[in-house]
C-alpha atoms as a PDB file:
ATOM      1  CA  MET A   1     -22.082   3.540 -24.881  1.00  0.00           C
ATOM      2  CA  ILE A   2     -19.085   4.000 -22.566  1.00  0.00           C
ATOM      3  CA  VAL A   3     -16.359   1.244 -22.559  1.00  0.00           C
ATOM      4  CA  ARG A   4     -13.577   2.165 -20.191  1.00  0.00           C
ATOM      5  CA  THR A   5     -10.686  -0.226 -18.854  1.00  0.00           C
ATOM      6  CA  LEU A   6      -9.267   0.093 -15.577  1.00  0.00           C
ATOM      7  CA  ALA A   7      -5.618   0.391 -17.412  1.00  0.00           C
ATOM      8  CA  GLU A   8      -6.994   3.590 -19.225  1.00  0.00           C
ATOM      9  CA  VAL A   9      -7.839   5.082 -15.901  1.00  0.00           C
ATOM     10  CA  ILE A  10      -4.468   4.215 -13.852  1.00  0.00           C
ATOM     11  CA  GLY A  11      -2.021   7.263 -13.769  1.00  0.00           C
ATOM     12  CA  THR A  12      -4.633   9.800 -14.871  1.00  0.00           C
ATOM     13  CA  GLU A  13      -6.449  12.293 -12.775  1.00  0.00           C
ATOM     14  CA  ARG A  14      -9.191   9.655 -12.140  1.00  0.00           C
ATOM     15  CA  ASP A  15      -6.675   7.568 -10.288  1.00  0.00           C
ATOM     16  CA  VAL A  16      -6.750   8.895  -6.674  1.00  0.00           C
ATOM     17  CA  ASP A  17      -4.359   7.973  -4.124  1.00  0.00           C
ATOM     18  CA  TRP A  18      -6.294   8.671  -0.691  1.00  0.00           C
ATOM     19  CA  GLY A  19      -3.362   7.631   1.549  1.00  0.00           C
ATOM     20  CA  ASN A  20      -4.863   4.153   3.046  1.00  0.00           C
ATOM     21  CA  GLY A  21      -5.607   3.122  -0.526  1.00  0.00           C
ATOM     22  CA  THR A  22      -6.496   4.117  -4.148  1.00  0.00           C
ATOM     23  CA  SER A  23      -9.664   4.995  -5.793  1.00  0.00           C
ATOM     24  CA  ARG A  24      -9.822   4.599  -9.399  1.00  0.00           C
ATOM     25  CA  ARG A  25     -12.930   6.426 -10.864  1.00  0.00           C
ATOM     26  CA  LEU A  26     -14.259   4.534 -13.710  1.00  0.00           C
ATOM     27  CA  LEU A  27     -17.442   6.691 -13.969  1.00  0.00           C
ATOM     28  CA  VAL A  28     -17.670  10.214 -12.612  1.00  0.00           C
ATOM     29  CA  ALA A  29     -20.467  13.056 -13.047  1.00  0.00           C
ATOM     30  CA  SER A  30     -19.232  14.135 -16.526  1.00  0.00           C
ATOM     31  CA  ASP A  31     -20.027  10.717 -17.783  1.00  0.00           C
ATOM     32  CA  GLY A  32     -23.678  11.663 -17.437  1.00  0.00           C
ATOM     33  CA  ARG A  33     -24.849   8.379 -15.749  1.00  0.00           C
ATOM     34  CA  GLY A  34     -26.306   9.844 -12.624  1.00  0.00           C
ATOM     35  CA  TYR A  35     -23.978   7.779 -10.215  1.00  0.00           C
ATOM     36  CA  ALA A  36     -20.197   7.163 -10.184  1.00  0.00           C
ATOM     37  CA  MET A  37     -18.439   3.780  -9.995  1.00  0.00           C
ATOM     38  CA  THR A  38     -14.873   3.140  -8.576  1.00  0.00           C
ATOM     39  CA  GLU A  39     -12.515   0.251  -8.071  1.00  0.00           C
ATOM     40  CA  THR A  40     -11.304   0.959  -4.719  1.00  0.00           C
ATOM     41  CA  TYR A  41      -8.079  -0.777  -3.074  1.00  0.00           C
ATOM     42  CA  VAL A  42      -7.659  -0.342   0.579  1.00  0.00           C
ATOM     43  CA  ARG A  43      -4.186  -1.048   1.935  1.00  0.00           C
ATOM     44  CA  PRO A  44      -3.267  -3.770   4.260  1.00  0.00           C
ATOM     45  CA  GLY A  45      -3.179  -2.905   8.001  1.00  0.00           C
ATOM     46  CA  THR A  46      -5.083   0.191   7.732  1.00  0.00           C
ATOM     47  CA  GLU A  47      -8.233   1.660   9.412  1.00  0.00           C
ATOM     48  CA  THR A  48      -9.830   4.769   7.940  1.00  0.00           C
ATOM     49  CA  ALA A  49     -12.758   6.539   9.567  1.00  0.00           C
ATOM     50  CA  LEU A  50     -15.079   7.717   6.712  1.00  0.00           C
ATOM     51  CA  ARG A  51     -18.341   9.843   6.472  1.00  0.00           C
ATOM     52  CA  TYR A  52     -19.971  10.994   3.223  1.00  0.00           C
ATOM     53  CA  ASP A  53     -22.223  13.987   3.801  1.00  0.00           C
ATOM     54  CA  ASN A  54     -22.921  14.470   0.171  1.00  0.00           C
ATOM     55  CA  HIS A  55     -23.121  11.064  -1.438  1.00  0.00           C
ATOM     56  CA  LEU A  56     -24.814   7.602  -0.936  1.00  0.00           C
ATOM     57  CA  GLU A  57     -22.078   4.827  -1.176  1.00  0.00           C
ATOM     58  CA  ALA A  58     -22.548   1.171  -1.622  1.00  0.00           C
ATOM     59  CA  CYS A  59     -19.262  -0.940  -1.733  1.00  0.00           C
ATOM     60  CA  TYR A  60     -18.960  -4.778  -2.884  1.00  0.00           C
ATOM     61  CA  CYS A  61     -15.843  -6.609  -2.067  1.00  0.00           C
ATOM     62  CA  VAL A  62     -14.229  -8.439  -4.880  1.00  0.00           C
ATOM     63  CA  GLN A  63     -10.925  -9.447  -3.111  1.00  0.00           C
ATOM     64  CA  GLY A  64      -9.417  -9.636   0.286  1.00  0.00           C
ATOM     65  CA  SER A  65     -11.042  -8.956   3.552  1.00  0.00           C
ATOM     66  CA  GLY A  66     -11.541  -6.762   6.525  1.00  0.00           C
ATOM     67  CA  THR A  67     -14.299  -5.151   8.591  1.00  0.00           C
ATOM     68  CA  VAL A  68     -16.653  -2.043   8.593  1.00  0.00           C
ATOM     69  CA  ARG A  69     -17.847  -0.806  11.976  1.00  0.00           C
ATOM     70  CA  THR A  70     -20.486   1.951  12.879  1.00  0.00           C
ATOM     71  CA  ASP A  71     -21.898   2.662  16.352  1.00  0.00           C
ATOM     72  CA  GLN A  72     -24.436   0.007  15.530  1.00  0.00           C
ATOM     73  CA  GLY A  73     -21.730  -2.833  15.410  1.00  0.00           C
ATOM     74  CA  GLU A  74     -18.961  -4.464  13.313  1.00  0.00           C
ATOM     75  CA  TRP A  75     -19.273  -6.642  10.411  1.00  0.00           C
ATOM     76  CA  PRO A  76     -16.960  -8.773   8.569  1.00  0.00           C
ATOM     77  CA  ILE A  77     -16.072  -8.069   4.816  1.00  0.00           C
ATOM     78  CA  SER A  78     -14.929 -10.740   2.384  1.00  0.00           C
ATOM     79  CA  VAL A  79     -15.320 -11.484  -1.272  1.00  0.00           C
ATOM     80  CA  GLY A  80     -19.154 -11.390  -2.039  1.00  0.00           C
ATOM     81  CA  THR A  81     -19.907  -8.817   0.803  1.00  0.00           C
ATOM     82  CA  LEU A  82     -21.836  -5.613   0.194  1.00  0.00           C
ATOM     83  CA  TYR A  83     -21.753  -2.772   2.730  1.00  0.00           C
ATOM     84  CA  ALA A  84     -23.750   0.348   2.070  1.00  0.00           C
ATOM     85  CA  PRO A  85     -23.669   3.179   5.018  1.00  0.00           C
ATOM     86  CA  ASP A  86     -26.036   5.702   5.296  1.00  0.00           C
ATOM     87  CA  LYS A  87     -25.650   9.176   4.320  1.00  0.00           C
ATOM     88  CA  GLN A  88     -23.585  11.082   7.028  1.00  0.00           C
ATOM     89  CA  GLU A  89     -23.028   7.578   8.781  1.00  0.00           C
ATOM     90  CA  THR A  90     -19.253   7.584  10.462  1.00  0.00           C
ATOM     91  CA  HIS A  91     -17.848   4.229   9.356  1.00  0.00           C
ATOM     92  CA  TYR A  92     -14.394   2.613  10.169  1.00  0.00           C
ATOM     93  CA  LEU A  93     -13.010   0.560   7.307  1.00  0.00           C
ATOM     94  CA  THR A  94     -10.065  -1.815   8.149  1.00  0.00           C
ATOM     95  CA  SER A  95      -8.199  -4.044   5.844  1.00  0.00           C
ATOM     96  CA  THR A  96      -6.367  -7.041   7.338  1.00  0.00           C
ATOM     97  CA  GLU A  97      -4.948  -8.362   3.901  1.00  0.00           C
ATOM     98  CA  GLY A  98      -5.567  -5.825   1.513  1.00  0.00           C
ATOM     99  CA  MET A  99      -9.259  -5.473  -0.040  1.00  0.00           C
ATOM    100  CA  ARG A 100     -10.386  -4.519  -3.368  1.00  0.00           C
ATOM    101  CA  LEU A 101     -13.987  -3.082  -3.650  1.00  0.00           C
ATOM    102  CA  VAL A 102     -16.201  -1.872  -6.386  1.00  0.00           C
ATOM    103  CA  CYS A 103     -18.094   1.300  -5.137  1.00  0.00           C
ATOM    104  CA  VAL A 104     -21.062   3.211  -6.518  1.00  0.00           C
ATOM    105  CA  PHE A 105     -21.800   6.812  -5.494  1.00  0.00           C
ATOM    106  CA  ASN A 106     -24.907   8.696  -5.900  1.00  0.00           C
ATOM    107  CA  PRO A 107     -24.771  11.625  -6.536  1.00  0.00           C
ATOM    108  CA  PRO A 108     -21.768  10.951  -8.790  1.00  0.00           C
ATOM    109  CA  LEU A 109     -18.203  11.901  -7.716  1.00  0.00           C
ATOM    110  CA  THR A 110     -16.673  14.832  -9.949  1.00  0.00           C
ATOM    111  CA  GLY A 111     -13.638  12.650  -9.983  1.00  0.00           C
ATOM    112  CA  THR A 112     -11.077  14.561  -8.114  1.00  0.00           C
ATOM    113  CA  GLU A 113     -12.293  14.218  -4.389  1.00  0.00           C
ATOM    114  CA  ASN A 114      -9.741  13.186  -1.914  1.00  0.00           C
ATOM    115  CA  HIS A 115      -9.764  12.297   1.543  1.00  0.00           C
ATOM    116  CA  SER A 116      -8.326  14.729   4.081  1.00  0.00           C
ATOM    117  CA  GLY A 117      -5.725  12.385   5.667  1.00  0.00           C
ATOM    118  CA  ASP A 118      -6.579  13.963   9.180  1.00  0.00           C
ATOM    119  CA  SER A 119      -6.989  11.062  11.338  1.00  0.00           C
ATOM    120  CA  SER A 120      -8.663  13.393  14.215  1.00  0.00           C
ATOM    121  CA  GLN A 121     -12.116  13.250  12.268  1.00  0.00           C
ATOM    122  CA  PRO A 122     -13.748  11.015   9.514  1.00  0.00           C
ATOM    123  CA  SER A 123     -12.709  11.854   5.993  1.00  0.00           C
ATOM    124  CA  GLY A 124     -15.484  12.100   3.121  1.00  0.00           C
ATOM    125  CA  TYR A 125     -16.682  14.210   0.480  1.00  0.00           C
END
């Protein structure tokens, strides 16, 4: 049984600031579950180009709002919305008022991955 609080993660190596927000890694590969779970905050007024070549990701909005856009369209995100891009699918995440997401990654993150901050190309792990 793993029991871990967000407060235990904040300020540790599992608390990753990725420029346009933070990713608090609640479960990572070393926890042995076969997936990772994060609590991700997206800062207001930001747009981030993302592309995960090595992971599948699903994100569920628990606070705030924004949009996610791909070459197939644009969708609003608000509390109660899940989005799950395909592996290697470039997507643009925009936050209007700040947004808090619960995200699952498969295979799991090691916990120290971070986005590049290079706005000329999508960032991912």
